[in-house]
Amino acid sequence: MNEMEEKSYQLIDIIEERLEQFCTDWAIKALLNNENQIRFSESQIDIYKSWNEIKIILFLSQRRRTLDISINDLSIIAIDKALQNCEKLLEVAKLNLNYKKMPAGPFEYNPSIQQKIFDQKVVNLDETAVDIVNDATETALNEGANRVAGSFFYGDTQVIQKNSLGLEGSFNKTQLMLDEKQE
């Protein structure tokens, strides 16, 4: 288990303990993102950056009053303050007449789904990502563009989930996005 995973599981345990005090149902999702961006303008790469982040997304219910929240500041003080605010908001929220119980766990997903949403080649792009951008730029110029600009994002995300009805699990996914503008 890497450091980001360890921190995520610790945060999930802390949040779970606090949610048990005021929620009838809850779901916690931790997103561990490893993102990369190559930005190009005037047909040249000008920025190549990478970053890692953890984001926590909560779905909370208190007797059919529901709330969704995303937490980016993962300090314990910020999490406590956010959860205190959630407790107050749930007390005054309107009843969600469309709310249905969350799925109870444990259960298994078909393993072939993981193969459709995760590609190890994306995780290992490294220098190949620069080649992809250069090839896309070259192709646009060869097709008649005067100049090309845009961004290429790629990365992977580990999603860790847990809910109040015993559902626990995680999965990995990868993403690619090329946004190109030509003149």
N, C-alpha and C. Protein backbone atom coordinates (compact mmCIF):
# COMPACT_ATOMS: atom_id res chain seq x y z
N MET A 1 0.85 -1.18 0.00
CA MET A 1 0.00 0.00 0.00
C MET A 1 0.90 1.24 0.00
N ASN A 2 0.64 2.17 -0.92
CA ASN A 2 1.46 3.37 -0.97
C ASN A 2 0.96 4.42 0.02
N GLU A 3 1.69 5.50 0.12
CA GLU A 3 1.39 6.54 1.11
C GLU A 3 0.02 7.20 0.89
N MET A 4 -0.34 7.44 -0.38
CA MET A 4 -1.65 8.04 -0.67
C MET A 4 -2.79 7.11 -0.26
N GLU A 5 -2.64 5.82 -0.55
CA GLU A 5 -3.67 4.85 -0.15
C GLU A 5 -3.81 4.80 1.36
N GLU A 6 -2.68 4.73 2.04
CA GLU A 6 -2.69 4.66 3.50
C GLU A 6 -3.40 5.88 4.10
N LYS A 7 -3.06 7.06 3.60
CA LYS A 7 -3.70 8.28 4.09
C LYS A 7 -5.21 8.26 3.81
N SER A 8 -5.60 7.78 2.63
CA SER A 8 -7.02 7.71 2.27
C SER A 8 -7.79 6.80 3.21
N TYR A 9 -7.25 5.62 3.49
CA TYR A 9 -7.93 4.70 4.39
C TYR A 9 -8.02 5.28 5.81
N GLN A 10 -6.98 5.97 6.25
CA GLN A 10 -7.04 6.62 7.56
C GLN A 10 -8.14 7.68 7.59
N LEU A 11 -8.22 8.50 6.53
CA LEU A 11 -9.26 9.54 6.47
C LEU A 11 -10.65 8.93 6.43
N ILE A 12 -10.82 7.86 5.67
CA ILE A 12 -12.11 7.18 5.60
C ILE A 12 -12.52 6.70 6.99
N ASP A 13 -11.61 6.13 7.74
CA ASP A 13 -11.92 5.66 9.10
C ASP A 13 -12.32 6.81 10.01
N ILE A 14 -11.60 7.92 9.92
CA ILE A 14 -11.91 9.10 10.75
C ILE A 14 -13.29 9.64 10.39
N ILE A 15 -13.54 9.78 9.09
CA ILE A 15 -14.83 10.32 8.63
C ILE A 15 -15.97 9.39 9.01
N GLU A 16 -15.77 8.08 8.82
CA GLU A 16 -16.80 7.10 9.17
C GLU A 16 -17.21 7.24 10.63
N GLU A 17 -16.23 7.34 11.51
CA GLU A 17 -16.51 7.45 12.94
C GLU A 17 -17.38 8.67 13.24
N ARG A 18 -17.11 9.77 12.58
CA ARG A 18 -17.88 11.00 12.81
C ARG A 18 -19.28 10.92 12.19
N LEU A 19 -19.38 10.30 11.01
CA LEU A 19 -20.67 10.19 10.33
C LEU A 19 -21.65 9.30 11.10
N GLU A 20 -21.12 8.29 11.74
CA GLU A 20 -21.96 7.38 12.52
C GLU A 20 -22.75 8.13 13.60
N GLN A 21 -22.25 9.28 14.02
CA GLN A 21 -22.89 10.04 15.09
C GLN A 21 -24.14 10.80 14.64
N PHE A 22 -24.25 11.10 13.32
CA PHE A 22 -25.41 11.90 12.91
C PHE A 22 -26.08 11.48 11.61
N CYS A 23 -25.57 10.47 10.93
CA CYS A 23 -26.17 10.03 9.67
C CYS A 23 -26.85 8.68 9.83
N THR A 24 -27.98 8.52 9.16
CA THR A 24 -28.60 7.21 9.11
C THR A 24 -28.01 6.37 7.99
N ASP A 25 -27.60 7.00 6.92
CA ASP A 25 -26.90 6.35 5.81
C ASP A 25 -25.80 7.28 5.33
N TRP A 26 -24.73 6.69 4.83
CA TRP A 26 -23.64 7.50 4.29
C TRP A 26 -22.82 6.66 3.32
N ALA A 27 -22.14 7.36 2.40
CA ALA A 27 -21.19 6.74 1.49
C ALA A 27 -19.98 7.65 1.39
N ILE A 28 -18.81 7.04 1.43
CA ILE A 28 -17.55 7.77 1.33
C ILE A 28 -16.82 7.26 0.09
N LYS A 29 -16.35 8.19 -0.72
CA LYS A 29 -15.55 7.84 -1.88
C LYS A 29 -14.26 8.66 -1.83
N ALA A 30 -13.13 7.99 -1.84
CA ALA A 30 -11.83 8.66 -1.91
C ALA A 30 -11.30 8.48 -3.33
N LEU A 31 -10.92 9.60 -3.95
CA LEU A 31 -10.33 9.57 -5.29
C LEU A 31 -8.85 9.89 -5.18
N LEU A 32 -8.01 8.98 -5.57
CA LEU A 32 -6.56 9.17 -5.55
C LEU A 32 -6.13 9.38 -7.00
N ASN A 33 -5.91 10.62 -7.36
CA ASN A 33 -5.63 10.99 -8.75
C ASN A 33 -4.14 11.19 -8.99
N ASN A 34 -3.66 10.59 -10.06
CA ASN A 34 -2.31 10.85 -10.58
C ASN A 34 -2.54 11.44 -11.97
N GLU A 35 -2.35 12.74 -12.10
CA GLU A 35 -2.69 13.45 -13.33
C GLU A 35 -1.44 14.01 -14.00
N ASN A 36 -1.50 14.11 -15.31
CA ASN A 36 -0.43 14.68 -16.10
C ASN A 36 -1.05 15.60 -17.15
N GLN A 37 -0.37 16.69 -17.45
CA GLN A 37 -0.83 17.61 -18.48
C GLN A 37 0.35 18.04 -19.33
N ILE A 38 0.14 17.97 -20.63
CA ILE A 38 1.08 18.56 -21.58
C ILE A 38 0.30 19.64 -22.31
N ARG A 39 0.72 20.88 -22.14
CA ARG A 39 0.06 21.99 -22.83
C ARG A 39 0.95 22.45 -23.96
N PHE A 40 0.31 22.77 -25.08
CA PHE A 40 1.08 23.22 -26.23
C PHE A 40 0.38 24.43 -26.85
N SER A 41 1.19 25.34 -27.34
CA SER A 41 0.70 26.53 -28.05
C SER A 41 1.71 26.90 -29.12
N GLU A 42 1.22 27.60 -30.14
CA GLU A 42 2.10 27.95 -31.28
C GLU A 42 2.82 26.71 -31.80
N SER A 43 2.11 25.57 -31.75
CA SER A 43 2.60 24.28 -32.27
C SER A 43 3.79 23.72 -31.50
N GLN A 44 4.03 24.20 -30.28
CA GLN A 44 5.15 23.74 -29.47
C GLN A 44 4.67 23.42 -28.05
N ILE A 45 5.28 22.41 -27.43
CA ILE A 45 4.98 22.08 -26.03
C ILE A 45 5.56 23.18 -25.15
N ASP A 46 4.72 23.74 -24.27
CA ASP A 46 5.23 24.78 -23.38
C ASP A 46 5.12 24.42 -21.89
N ILE A 47 4.31 23.45 -21.54
CA ILE A 47 4.21 23.02 -20.14
C ILE A 47 4.01 21.51 -20.10
N TYR A 48 4.73 20.85 -19.22
CA TYR A 48 4.54 19.44 -18.93
C TYR A 48 4.56 19.32 -17.42
N LYS A 49 3.41 19.03 -16.82
CA LYS A 49 3.38 18.94 -15.36
C LYS A 49 2.61 17.71 -14.92
N SER A 50 2.92 17.28 -13.72
CA SER A 50 2.28 16.13 -13.10
C SER A 50 1.91 16.48 -11.67
N TRP A 51 0.82 15.91 -11.17
CA TRP A 51 0.45 16.13 -9.78
C TRP A 51 -0.37 14.96 -9.27
N ASN A 52 -0.35 14.82 -7.96
CA ASN A 52 -1.12 13.80 -7.26
C ASN A 52 -2.04 14.50 -6.28
N GLU A 53 -3.25 14.00 -6.15
CA GLU A 53 -4.18 14.59 -5.19
C GLU A 53 -5.13 13.53 -4.66
N ILE A 54 -5.65 13.82 -3.50
CA ILE A 54 -6.70 12.99 -2.90
C ILE A 54 -7.91 13.90 -2.70
N LYS A 55 -9.06 13.41 -3.10
CA LYS A 55 -10.30 14.14 -2.88
C LYS A 55 -11.28 13.17 -2.24
N ILE A 56 -12.05 13.66 -1.28
CA ILE A 56 -13.07 12.85 -0.61
C ILE A 56 -14.45 13.37 -1.02
N ILE A 57 -15.31 12.45 -1.44
CA ILE A 57 -16.68 12.79 -1.81
C ILE A 57 -17.61 12.02 -0.87
N LEU A 58 -18.56 12.75 -0.29
CA LEU A 58 -19.48 12.13 0.66
C LEU A 58 -20.92 12.25 0.18
N PHE A 59 -21.68 11.21 0.38
CA PHE A 59 -23.14 11.26 0.25
C PHE A 59 -23.67 10.95 1.64
N LEU A 60 -24.48 11.86 2.17
CA LEU A 60 -24.98 11.72 3.53
C LEU A 60 -26.50 11.73 3.56
N SER A 61 -27.06 10.95 4.46
CA SER A 61 -28.51 10.92 4.63
C SER A 61 -28.83 10.85 6.11
N GLN A 62 -29.83 11.62 6.46
CA GLN A 62 -30.35 11.60 7.83
C GLN A 62 -31.87 11.57 7.70
N ARG A 63 -32.42 10.38 7.86
CA ARG A 63 -33.88 10.21 7.75
C ARG A 63 -34.44 10.88 6.49
N ARG A 64 -33.92 10.48 5.32
CA ARG A 64 -34.39 10.93 4.00
C ARG A 64 -34.03 12.37 3.67
N ARG A 65 -33.23 13.01 4.46
CA ARG A 65 -32.66 14.31 4.11
C ARG A 65 -31.25 14.00 3.61
N THR A 66 -30.92 14.46 2.40
CA THR A 66 -29.66 14.04 1.79
C THR A 66 -28.77 15.24 1.45
N LEU A 67 -27.49 14.92 1.32
CA LEU A 67 -26.49 15.95 1.05
C LEU A 67 -25.29 15.29 0.37
N ASP A 68 -24.77 15.96 -0.67
CA ASP A 68 -23.52 15.56 -1.32
C ASP A 68 -22.49 16.63 -1.05
N ILE A 69 -21.26 16.22 -0.77
CA ILE A 69 -20.20 17.19 -0.50
C ILE A 69 -18.87 16.62 -0.98
N SER A 70 -18.02 17.51 -1.46
CA SER A 70 -16.67 17.16 -1.86
C SER A 70 -15.71 17.90 -0.94
N ILE A 71 -14.71 17.19 -0.43
CA ILE A 71 -13.75 17.79 0.49
C ILE A 71 -12.36 17.71 -0.14
N ASN A 72 -11.75 18.87 -0.35
CA ASN A 72 -10.40 18.92 -0.93
C ASN A 72 -9.34 19.21 0.12
N ASP A 73 -9.70 19.98 1.15
CA ASP A 73 -8.76 20.26 2.25
C ASP A 73 -8.86 19.10 3.23
N LEU A 74 -7.84 18.26 3.26
CA LEU A 74 -7.91 17.02 4.03
C LEU A 74 -7.25 17.10 5.39
N SER A 75 -7.09 18.32 5.90
CA SER A 75 -6.61 18.44 7.29
C SER A 75 -7.75 18.03 8.21
N ILE A 76 -7.42 17.47 9.34
CA ILE A 76 -8.44 17.00 10.28
C ILE A 76 -9.34 18.16 10.72
N ILE A 77 -8.76 19.33 10.92
CA ILE A 77 -9.55 20.51 11.32
C ILE A 77 -10.57 20.84 10.24
N ALA A 78 -10.15 20.86 8.98
CA ALA A 78 -11.07 21.18 7.88
C ALA A 78 -12.15 20.12 7.73
N ILE A 79 -11.78 18.85 7.87
CA ILE A 79 -12.77 17.78 7.77
C ILE A 79 -13.78 17.89 8.90
N ASP A 80 -13.32 18.12 10.14
CA ASP A 80 -14.24 18.28 11.26
C ASP A 80 -15.21 19.44 11.03
N LYS A 81 -14.69 20.56 10.55
CA LYS A 81 -15.55 21.74 10.30
C LYS A 81 -16.57 21.42 9.21
N ALA A 82 -16.13 20.77 8.13
CA ALA A 82 -17.04 20.41 7.05
C ALA A 82 -18.14 19.47 7.56
N LEU A 83 -17.77 18.49 8.37
CA LEU A 83 -18.78 17.55 8.88
C LEU A 83 -19.73 18.21 9.87
N GLN A 84 -19.24 19.17 10.67
CA GLN A 84 -20.12 19.93 11.56
C GLN A 84 -21.15 20.70 10.73
N ASN A 85 -20.68 21.30 9.64
CA ASN A 85 -21.60 22.03 8.76
C ASN A 85 -22.60 21.09 8.09
N CYS A 86 -22.14 19.90 7.72
CA CYS A 86 -23.03 18.91 7.12
C CYS A 86 -24.13 18.50 8.09
N GLU A 87 -23.76 18.30 9.34
CA GLU A 87 -24.75 17.92 10.34
C GLU A 87 -25.83 18.99 10.46
N LYS A 88 -25.42 20.25 10.49
CA LYS A 88 -26.38 21.35 10.57
C LYS A 88 -27.25 21.43 9.32
N LEU A 89 -26.64 21.26 8.15
CA LEU A 89 -27.39 21.32 6.90
C LEU A 89 -28.41 20.19 6.80
N LEU A 90 -28.04 19.00 7.23
CA LEU A 90 -28.97 17.88 7.17
C LEU A 90 -30.19 18.10 8.07
N GLU A 91 -30.00 18.80 9.17
CA GLU A 91 -31.12 19.06 10.09
C GLU A 91 -32.18 19.95 9.45
N VAL A 92 -31.78 20.80 8.53
CA VAL A 92 -32.74 21.76 7.93
C VAL A 92 -33.06 21.44 6.47
N ALA A 93 -32.42 20.43 5.90
CA ALA A 93 -32.65 20.09 4.50
C ALA A 93 -34.06 19.55 4.30
N LYS A 94 -34.59 19.78 3.08
CA LYS A 94 -35.90 19.24 2.74
C LYS A 94 -35.80 17.73 2.61
N LEU A 95 -36.91 17.05 2.87
CA LEU A 95 -36.95 15.61 2.67
C LEU A 95 -36.75 15.30 1.19
N ASN A 96 -35.94 14.30 0.92
CA ASN A 96 -35.72 13.84 -0.45
C ASN A 96 -36.67 12.67 -0.68
N LEU A 97 -37.80 12.96 -1.31
CA LEU A 97 -38.83 11.94 -1.50
C LEU A 97 -38.40 10.86 -2.49
N ASN A 98 -37.38 11.13 -3.28
CA ASN A 98 -36.89 10.15 -4.27
C ASN A 98 -35.76 9.27 -3.72
N TYR A 99 -35.37 9.52 -2.49
CA TYR A 99 -34.24 8.77 -1.93
C TYR A 99 -34.62 7.32 -1.68
N LYS A 100 -33.77 6.44 -2.18
CA LYS A 100 -33.91 5.00 -1.94
C LYS A 100 -32.69 4.54 -1.16
N LYS A 101 -32.82 3.50 -0.42
CA LYS A 101 -31.69 2.96 0.35
C LYS A 101 -30.52 2.65 -0.57
N MET A 102 -29.34 2.82 -0.03
CA MET A 102 -28.12 2.48 -0.76
C MET A 102 -27.98 0.97 -0.83
N PRO A 103 -27.15 0.49 -1.78
CA PRO A 103 -26.95 -0.96 -1.86
C PRO A 103 -26.18 -1.49 -0.66
N ALA A 104 -26.60 -2.63 -0.18
CA ALA A 104 -25.90 -3.29 0.93
C ALA A 104 -24.81 -4.18 0.37
N GLY A 105 -23.72 -4.24 1.05
CA GLY A 105 -22.61 -5.09 0.62
C GLY A 105 -22.56 -6.31 1.51
N PRO A 106 -21.62 -7.13 1.34
CA PRO A 106 -20.65 -7.09 0.23
C PRO A 106 -21.20 -7.78 -1.00
N PHE A 107 -20.69 -7.39 -2.18
CA PHE A 107 -20.97 -8.09 -3.41
C PHE A 107 -19.80 -7.89 -4.37
N GLU A 108 -19.77 -8.68 -5.40
CA GLU A 108 -18.64 -8.68 -6.34
C GLU A 108 -19.09 -8.16 -7.69
N TYR A 109 -18.23 -7.35 -8.32
CA TYR A 109 -18.45 -6.95 -9.70
C TYR A 109 -17.74 -7.93 -10.62
N ASN A 110 -18.21 -8.02 -11.83
CA ASN A 110 -17.56 -8.85 -12.84
C ASN A 110 -16.16 -8.29 -13.09
N PRO A 111 -15.10 -9.10 -12.94
CA PRO A 111 -13.73 -8.60 -13.10
C PRO A 111 -13.43 -8.03 -14.49
N SER A 112 -14.21 -8.41 -15.50
CA SER A 112 -13.95 -7.89 -16.85
C SER A 112 -14.23 -6.39 -16.94
N ILE A 113 -15.03 -5.86 -16.04
CA ILE A 113 -15.30 -4.42 -16.03
C ILE A 113 -14.01 -3.65 -15.78
N GLN A 114 -13.18 -4.11 -14.85
CA GLN A 114 -11.91 -3.45 -14.54
C GLN A 114 -11.04 -3.34 -15.79
N GLN A 115 -11.02 -4.38 -16.59
CA GLN A 115 -10.21 -4.37 -17.81
C GLN A 115 -10.70 -3.33 -18.82
N LYS A 116 -11.96 -2.97 -18.76
CA LYS A 116 -12.51 -2.01 -19.70
C LYS A 116 -12.27 -0.56 -19.29
N ILE A 117 -11.97 -0.32 -18.02
CA ILE A 117 -11.79 1.06 -17.55
C ILE A 117 -10.37 1.39 -17.13
N PHE A 118 -9.47 0.40 -17.16
CA PHE A 118 -8.09 0.62 -16.76
C PHE A 118 -7.15 0.04 -17.80
N ASP A 119 -6.16 0.86 -18.20
CA ASP A 119 -5.17 0.43 -19.17
C ASP A 119 -3.79 0.78 -18.64
N GLN A 120 -3.00 -0.21 -18.32
CA GLN A 120 -1.66 0.01 -17.77
C GLN A 120 -0.79 0.84 -18.70
N LYS A 121 -1.05 0.78 -20.01
CA LYS A 121 -0.26 1.57 -20.97
C LYS A 121 -0.42 3.07 -20.71
N VAL A 122 -1.58 3.50 -20.24
CA VAL A 122 -1.79 4.92 -19.93
C VAL A 122 -0.93 5.31 -18.73
N VAL A 123 -0.87 4.47 -17.73
CA VAL A 123 -0.07 4.74 -16.54
C VAL A 123 1.41 4.87 -16.92
N ASN A 124 1.85 4.11 -17.90
CA ASN A 124 3.26 4.07 -18.29
C ASN A 124 3.59 4.95 -19.50
N LEU A 125 2.75 5.92 -19.84
CA LEU A 125 2.98 6.74 -21.03
C LEU A 125 4.31 7.48 -21.01
N ASP A 126 4.61 8.18 -19.91
CA ASP A 126 5.85 8.93 -19.74
C ASP A 126 6.24 9.69 -21.02
N GLU A 127 7.41 9.39 -21.59
CA GLU A 127 7.91 10.12 -22.76
C GLU A 127 7.04 9.89 -24.00
N THR A 128 6.33 8.78 -24.05
CA THR A 128 5.44 8.51 -25.18
C THR A 128 4.36 9.59 -25.28
N ALA A 129 3.98 10.17 -24.15
CA ALA A 129 2.96 11.24 -24.15
C ALA A 129 3.44 12.43 -24.96
N VAL A 130 4.70 12.77 -24.85
CA VAL A 130 5.27 13.87 -25.64
C VAL A 130 5.20 13.52 -27.13
N ASP A 131 5.49 12.28 -27.46
CA ASP A 131 5.41 11.85 -28.86
C ASP A 131 3.98 11.94 -29.39
N ILE A 132 3.02 11.59 -28.58
CA ILE A 132 1.61 11.68 -28.99
C ILE A 132 1.25 13.12 -29.32
N VAL A 133 1.65 14.06 -28.45
CA VAL A 133 1.36 15.48 -28.69
C VAL A 133 2.08 15.97 -29.94
N ASN A 134 3.35 15.61 -30.08
CA ASN A 134 4.10 16.04 -31.26
C ASN A 134 3.50 15.46 -32.54
N ASP A 135 3.08 14.20 -32.51
CA ASP A 135 2.45 13.58 -33.68
C ASP A 135 1.13 14.26 -34.02
N ALA A 136 0.32 14.58 -33.01
CA ALA A 136 -0.96 15.25 -33.25
C ALA A 136 -0.73 16.64 -33.85
N THR A 137 0.25 17.36 -33.33
CA THR A 137 0.57 18.70 -33.83
C THR A 137 1.06 18.61 -35.28
N GLU A 138 1.96 17.69 -35.53
CA GLU A 138 2.51 17.49 -36.88
C GLU A 138 1.41 17.15 -37.87
N THR A 139 0.51 16.25 -37.48
CA THR A 139 -0.59 15.86 -38.36
C THR A 139 -1.47 17.06 -38.69
N ALA A 140 -1.80 17.87 -37.69
CA ALA A 140 -2.63 19.06 -37.93
C ALA A 140 -1.94 20.03 -38.88
N LEU A 141 -0.65 20.23 -38.69
CA LEU A 141 0.10 21.13 -39.57
C LEU A 141 0.16 20.58 -41.00
N ASN A 142 0.34 19.28 -41.12
CA ASN A 142 0.38 18.64 -42.44
C ASN A 142 -0.97 18.70 -43.15
N GLU A 143 -2.05 18.79 -42.38
CA GLU A 143 -3.39 18.87 -42.94
C GLU A 143 -3.80 20.31 -43.26
N GLY A 144 -2.90 21.26 -43.02
CA GLY A 144 -3.18 22.63 -43.42
C GLY A 144 -3.32 23.64 -42.31
N ALA A 145 -3.22 23.23 -41.06
CA ALA A 145 -3.31 24.20 -39.97
C ALA A 145 -2.05 25.07 -39.97
N ASN A 146 -2.22 26.34 -39.63
CA ASN A 146 -1.07 27.25 -39.53
C ASN A 146 -0.38 27.12 -38.18
N ARG A 147 -1.18 26.88 -37.16
CA ARG A 147 -0.64 26.68 -35.81
C ARG A 147 -1.64 25.86 -35.00
N VAL A 148 -1.13 25.23 -33.95
CA VAL A 148 -1.94 24.31 -33.16
C VAL A 148 -1.70 24.60 -31.68
N ALA A 149 -2.77 24.52 -30.91
CA ALA A 149 -2.67 24.72 -29.46
C ALA A 149 -3.63 23.75 -28.78
N GLY A 150 -3.37 23.47 -27.51
CA GLY A 150 -4.27 22.62 -26.77
C GLY A 150 -3.61 22.01 -25.56
N SER A 151 -4.27 20.98 -25.03
CA SER A 151 -3.76 20.27 -23.86
C SER A 151 -4.01 18.78 -24.03
N PHE A 152 -3.09 18.00 -23.49
CA PHE A 152 -3.24 16.55 -23.42
C PHE A 152 -3.16 16.18 -21.95
N PHE A 153 -4.26 15.64 -21.44
CA PHE A 153 -4.32 15.18 -20.06
C PHE A 153 -4.34 13.65 -20.07
N TYR A 154 -3.63 13.05 -19.15
CA TYR A 154 -3.70 11.61 -18.98
C TYR A 154 -3.35 11.27 -17.53
N GLY A 155 -3.83 10.12 -17.10
CA GLY A 155 -3.53 9.72 -15.73
C GLY A 155 -4.36 8.53 -15.30
N ASP A 156 -4.26 8.27 -14.02
CA ASP A 156 -5.01 7.15 -13.45
C ASP A 156 -5.59 7.58 -12.11
N THR A 157 -6.68 6.94 -11.75
CA THR A 157 -7.37 7.21 -10.50
C THR A 157 -7.69 5.90 -9.81
N GLN A 158 -7.39 5.86 -8.52
CA GLN A 158 -7.86 4.75 -7.69
C GLN A 158 -9.05 5.28 -6.91
N VAL A 159 -10.15 4.55 -6.97
CA VAL A 159 -11.38 4.93 -6.27
C VAL A 159 -11.58 3.93 -5.14
N ILE A 160 -11.67 4.46 -3.91
CA ILE A 160 -11.91 3.63 -2.73
C ILE A 160 -13.28 4.03 -2.19
N GLN A 161 -14.16 3.04 -1.98
CA GLN A 161 -15.52 3.34 -1.55
C GLN A 161 -15.90 2.52 -0.32
N LYS A 162 -16.77 3.14 0.45
CA LYS A 162 -17.29 2.46 1.64
C LYS A 162 -18.64 3.10 1.96
N ASN A 163 -19.61 2.28 2.40
CA ASN A 163 -20.87 2.88 2.83
C ASN A 163 -21.34 2.26 4.14
N SER A 164 -22.40 2.84 4.67
CA SER A 164 -22.91 2.45 5.99
C SER A 164 -23.57 1.08 5.99
N LEU A 165 -23.79 0.49 4.82
CA LEU A 165 -24.46 -0.81 4.74
C LEU A 165 -23.49 -1.94 4.41
N GLY A 166 -22.20 -1.71 4.64
CA GLY A 166 -21.22 -2.78 4.49
C GLY A 166 -20.57 -2.91 3.13
N LEU A 167 -20.88 -2.01 2.22
CA LEU A 167 -20.24 -2.05 0.91
C LEU A 167 -18.85 -1.43 1.02
N GLU A 168 -17.84 -2.18 0.63
CA GLU A 168 -16.45 -1.71 0.65
C GLU A 168 -15.75 -2.22 -0.59
N GLY A 169 -14.90 -1.39 -1.17
CA GLY A 169 -14.13 -1.86 -2.31
C GLY A 169 -13.36 -0.74 -2.96
N SER A 170 -12.59 -1.13 -3.97
CA SER A 170 -11.83 -0.14 -4.71
C SER A 170 -11.66 -0.63 -6.14
N PHE A 171 -11.39 0.31 -7.02
CA PHE A 171 -11.09 -0.02 -8.41
C PHE A 171 -10.19 1.07 -8.97
N ASN A 172 -9.57 0.76 -10.10
CA ASN A 172 -8.68 1.70 -10.77
C ASN A 172 -9.24 2.03 -12.14
N LYS A 173 -9.01 3.25 -12.58
CA LYS A 173 -9.41 3.64 -13.93
C LYS A 173 -8.35 4.58 -14.49
N THR A 174 -8.30 4.64 -15.81
CA THR A 174 -7.37 5.55 -16.47
C THR A 174 -8.17 6.49 -17.36
N GLN A 175 -7.55 7.62 -17.69
CA GLN A 175 -8.22 8.58 -18.55
C GLN A 175 -7.20 9.26 -19.46
N LEU A 176 -7.69 9.58 -20.66
CA LEU A 176 -6.93 10.32 -21.67
C LEU A 176 -7.84 11.38 -22.25
N MET A 177 -7.32 12.58 -22.47
CA MET A 177 -8.11 13.61 -23.14
C MET A 177 -7.17 14.53 -23.91
N LEU A 178 -7.40 14.63 -25.20
CA LEU A 178 -6.64 15.54 -26.05
C LEU A 178 -7.60 16.61 -26.53
N ASP A 179 -7.32 17.84 -26.17
CA ASP A 179 -8.13 18.99 -26.58
C ASP A 179 -7.23 19.86 -27.46
N GLU A 180 -7.55 19.90 -28.74
CA GLU A 180 -6.67 20.58 -29.69
C GLU A 180 -7.46 21.63 -30.48
N LYS A 181 -6.84 22.77 -30.67
CA LYS A 181 -7.43 23.85 -31.47
C LYS A 181 -6.46 24.16 -32.61
N GLN A 182 -7.04 24.35 -33.80
CA GLN A 182 -6.21 24.64 -34.97
C GLN A 182 -6.64 25.94 -35.61
N GLU A 183 -5.69 26.62 -36.17
CA GLU A 183 -5.97 27.82 -36.98
C GLU A 183 -5.39 27.64 -38.35
